[in-house]
PDB file of N, CA and C in Angstrom:
ATOM      1  N   MET A   1       0.842  -1.184   0.000  1.00  0.00           N
ATOM      2  CA  MET A   1       0.000   0.000   0.000  1.00  0.00           C
ATOM      3  C   MET A   1       0.886   1.246   0.000  1.00  0.00           C
ATOM      4  N   SER A   2       0.565   2.177  -0.876  1.00  0.00           N
ATOM      5  CA  SER A   2       1.380   3.388  -1.009  1.00  0.00           C
ATOM      6  C   SER A   2       0.949   4.494  -0.053  1.00  0.00           C
ATOM      7  N   GLY A   3      -0.269   4.415   0.443  1.00  0.00           N
ATOM      8  CA  GLY A   3      -0.796   5.494   1.273  1.00  0.00           C
ATOM      9  C   GLY A   3      -1.498   6.556   0.449  1.00  0.00           C
ATOM     10  N   LYS A   4      -1.492   6.387  -0.855  1.00  0.00           N
ATOM     11  CA  LYS A   4      -2.165   7.346  -1.735  1.00  0.00           C
ATOM     12  C   LYS A   4      -3.523   6.800  -2.121  1.00  0.00           C
ATOM     13  N   LEU A   5      -4.494   7.706  -2.227  1.00  0.00           N
ATOM     14  CA  LEU A   5      -5.853   7.327  -2.598  1.00  0.00           C
ATOM     15  C   LEU A   5      -6.446   8.461  -3.415  1.00  0.00           C
ATOM     16  N   LEU A   6      -6.800   8.170  -4.650  1.00  0.00           N
ATOM     17  CA  LEU A   6      -7.411   9.176  -5.512  1.00  0.00           C
ATOM     18  C   LEU A   6      -8.918   8.957  -5.499  1.00  0.00           C
ATOM     19  N   VAL A   7      -9.647   9.978  -5.088  1.00  0.00           N
ATOM     20  CA  VAL A   7     -11.098   9.881  -5.015  1.00  0.00           C
ATOM     21  C   VAL A   7     -11.688  11.095  -5.727  1.00  0.00           C
ATOM     22  N   ARG A   8     -12.584  10.854  -6.651  1.00  0.00           N
ATOM     23  CA  ARG A   8     -13.269  11.949  -7.342  1.00  0.00           C
ATOM     24  C   ARG A   8     -14.577  12.223  -6.605  1.00  0.00           C
ATOM     25  N   VAL A   9     -14.805  13.494  -6.312  1.00  0.00           N
ATOM     26  CA  VAL A   9     -16.022  13.901  -5.604  1.00  0.00           C
ATOM     27  C   VAL A   9     -16.692  15.035  -6.374  1.00  0.00           C
ATOM     28  N   PRO A  10     -17.979  15.216  -6.171  1.00  0.00           N
ATOM     29  CA  PRO A  10     -18.665  16.337  -6.820  1.00  0.00           C
ATOM     30  C   PRO A  10     -18.064  17.679  -6.364  1.00  0.00           C
ATOM     31  N   LYS A  11     -18.140  18.687  -7.233  1.00  0.00           N
ATOM     32  CA  LYS A  11     -17.607  20.010  -6.903  1.00  0.00           C
ATOM     33  C   LYS A  11     -18.191  20.546  -5.604  1.00  0.00           C
ATOM     34  N   SER A  12     -19.483  20.330  -5.405  1.00  0.00           N
ATOM     35  CA  SER A  12     -20.134  20.862  -4.203  1.00  0.00           C
ATOM     36  C   SER A  12     -19.551  20.247  -2.930  1.00  0.00           C
ATOM     37  N   LEU A  13     -19.243  18.955  -2.966  1.00  0.00           N
ATOM     38  CA  LEU A  13     -18.637  18.304  -1.800  1.00  0.00           C
ATOM     39  C   LEU A  13     -17.222  18.810  -1.584  1.00  0.00           C
ATOM     40  N   HIS A  14     -16.462  18.968  -2.658  1.00  0.00           N
ATOM     41  CA  HIS A  14     -15.104  19.495  -2.564  1.00  0.00           C
ATOM     42  C   HIS A  14     -15.118  20.884  -1.932  1.00  0.00           C
ATOM     43  N   GLU A  15     -16.044  21.724  -2.378  1.00  0.00           N
ATOM     44  CA  GLU A  15     -16.159  23.071  -1.823  1.00  0.00           C
ATOM     45  C   GLU A  15     -16.500  23.039  -0.337  1.00  0.00           C
ATOM     46  N   SER A  16     -17.415  22.141   0.046  1.00  0.00           N
ATOM     47  CA  SER A  16     -17.801  22.018   1.443  1.00  0.00           C
ATOM     48  C   SER A  16     -16.629  21.566   2.306  1.00  0.00           C
ATOM     49  N   ILE A  17     -15.898  20.585   1.829  1.00  0.00           N
ATOM     50  CA  ILE A  17     -14.728  20.086   2.562  1.00  0.00           C
ATOM     51  C   ILE A  17     -13.667  21.172   2.676  1.00  0.00           C
ATOM     52  N   ALA A  18     -13.447  21.904   1.589  1.00  0.00           N
ATOM     53  CA  ALA A  18     -12.450  22.981   1.602  1.00  0.00           C
ATOM     54  C   ALA A  18     -12.818  24.044   2.634  1.00  0.00           C
ATOM     55  N   ARG A  19     -14.106  24.415   2.700  1.00  0.00           N
ATOM     56  CA  ARG A  19     -14.553  25.414   3.689  1.00  0.00           C
ATOM     57  C   ARG A  19     -14.343  24.901   5.105  1.00  0.00           C
ATOM     58  N   ARG A  20     -14.733  23.657   5.353  1.00  0.00           N
ATOM     59  CA  ARG A  20     -14.576  23.089   6.702  1.00  0.00           C
ATOM     60  C   ARG A  20     -13.106  23.016   7.104  1.00  0.00           C
ATOM     61  N   ALA A  21     -12.261  22.604   6.162  1.00  0.00           N
ATOM     62  CA  ALA A  21     -10.826  22.517   6.446  1.00  0.00           C
ATOM     63  C   ALA A  21     -10.266  23.902   6.768  1.00  0.00           C
ATOM     64  N   GLU A  22     -10.679  24.911   5.994  1.00  0.00           N
ATOM     65  CA  GLU A  22     -10.196  26.271   6.238  1.00  0.00           C
ATOM     66  C   GLU A  22     -10.636  26.759   7.614  1.00  0.00           C
ATOM     67  N   ILE A  23     -11.880  26.502   7.977  1.00  0.00           N
ATOM     68  CA  ILE A  23     -12.396  26.905   9.294  1.00  0.00           C
ATOM     69  C   ILE A  23     -11.588  26.250  10.406  1.00  0.00           C
ATOM     70  N   GLU A  24     -11.224  24.982  10.206  1.00  0.00           N
ATOM     71  CA  GLU A  24     -10.475  24.246  11.229  1.00  0.00           C
ATOM     72  C   GLU A  24      -8.977  24.506  11.151  1.00  0.00           C
ATOM     73  N   GLY A  25      -8.538  25.253  10.137  1.00  0.00           N
ATOM     74  CA  GLY A  25      -7.123  25.613  10.027  1.00  0.00           C
ATOM     75  C   GLY A  25      -6.221  24.470   9.606  1.00  0.00           C
ATOM     76  N   VAL A  26      -6.767  23.555   8.808  1.00  0.00           N
ATOM     77  CA  VAL A  26      -5.977  22.416   8.338  1.00  0.00           C
ATOM     78  C   VAL A  26      -6.104  22.315   6.822  1.00  0.00           C
ATOM     79  N   SER A  27      -5.248  21.498   6.225  1.00  0.00           N
ATOM     80  CA  SER A  27      -5.345  21.277   4.788  1.00  0.00           C
ATOM     81  C   SER A  27      -6.529  20.363   4.487  1.00  0.00           C
ATOM     82  N   ILE A  28      -6.943  20.383   3.240  1.00  0.00           N
ATOM     83  CA  ILE A  28      -8.018  19.475   2.827  1.00  0.00           C
ATOM     84  C   ILE A  28      -7.590  18.032   3.102  1.00  0.00           C
ATOM     85  N   ASN A  29      -6.358  17.707   2.780  1.00  0.00           N
ATOM     86  CA  ASN A  29      -5.872  16.343   3.005  1.00  0.00           C
ATOM     87  C   ASN A  29      -5.956  15.963   4.489  1.00  0.00           C
ATOM     88  N   GLN A  30      -5.497  16.857   5.364  1.00  0.00           N
ATOM     89  CA  GLN A  30      -5.553  16.577   6.802  1.00  0.00           C
ATOM     90  C   GLN A  30      -6.989  16.401   7.271  1.00  0.00           C
ATOM     91  N   TRP A  31      -7.890  17.227   6.748  1.00  0.00           N
ATOM     92  CA  TRP A  31      -9.290  17.146   7.147  1.00  0.00           C
ATOM     93  C   TRP A  31      -9.880  15.798   6.736  1.00  0.00           C
ATOM     94  N   ILE A  32      -9.588  15.367   5.500  1.00  0.00           N
ATOM     95  CA  ILE A  32     -10.117  14.091   5.001  1.00  0.00           C
ATOM     96  C   ILE A  32      -9.537  12.927   5.788  1.00  0.00           C
ATOM     97  N   VAL A  33      -8.235  12.960   6.089  1.00  0.00           N
ATOM     98  CA  VAL A  33      -7.620  11.884   6.868  1.00  0.00           C
ATOM     99  C   VAL A  33      -8.297  11.776   8.236  1.00  0.00           C
ATOM    100  N   ALA A  34      -8.553  12.920   8.883  1.00  0.00           N
ATOM    101  CA  ALA A  34      -9.215  12.902  10.188  1.00  0.00           C
ATOM    102  C   ALA A  34     -10.636  12.357  10.063  1.00  0.00           C
ATOM    103  N   ALA A  35     -11.363  12.757   9.023  1.00  0.00           N
ATOM    104  CA  ALA A  35     -12.728  12.270   8.832  1.00  0.00           C
ATOM    105  C   ALA A  35     -12.744  10.759   8.600  1.00  0.00           C
ATOM    106  N   LEU A  36     -11.807  10.268   7.814  1.00  0.00           N
ATOM    107  CA  LEU A  36     -11.728   8.823   7.573  1.00  0.00           C
ATOM    108  C   LEU A  36     -11.354   8.076   8.850  1.00  0.00           C
ATOM    109  N   ALA A  37     -10.470   8.639   9.648  1.00  0.00           N
ATOM    110  CA  ALA A  37     -10.069   8.017  10.911  1.00  0.00           C
ATOM    111  C   ALA A  37     -11.274   7.932  11.850  1.00  0.00           C
ATOM    112  N   ARG A  38     -12.085   9.011  11.900  1.00  0.00           N
ATOM    113  CA  ARG A  38     -13.286   8.992  12.755  1.00  0.00           C
ATOM    114  C   ARG A  38     -14.262   7.920  12.266  1.00  0.00           C
ATOM    115  N   ALA A  39     -14.407   7.803  10.971  1.00  0.00           N
ATOM    116  CA  ALA A  39     -15.335   6.812  10.404  1.00  0.00           C
ATOM    117  C   ALA A  39     -14.864   5.386  10.652  1.00  0.00           C
ATOM    118  N   ASP A  40     -13.560   5.212  10.805  1.00  0.00           N
ATOM    119  CA  ASP A  40     -12.984   3.872  10.983  1.00  0.00           C
ATOM    120  C   ASP A  40     -13.033   3.427  12.436  1.00  0.00           C
ATOM    121  N   SER A  41     -13.309   4.347  13.368  1.00  0.00           N
ATOM    122  CA  SER A  41     -13.280   3.970  14.787  1.00  0.00           C
ATOM    123  C   SER A  41     -14.637   3.544  15.299  1.00  0.00           C
TER     124      SER A  41
END
């Protein structure tokens, strides 16, 4: 496993994630990793 994952999402979801990440002061990648970690627990 390389640790890389390419996922295509609708523009509206990308925009929503980008806004949430900006509010939380993290990158989009960091925000998604945290969301996936929460979903996995």
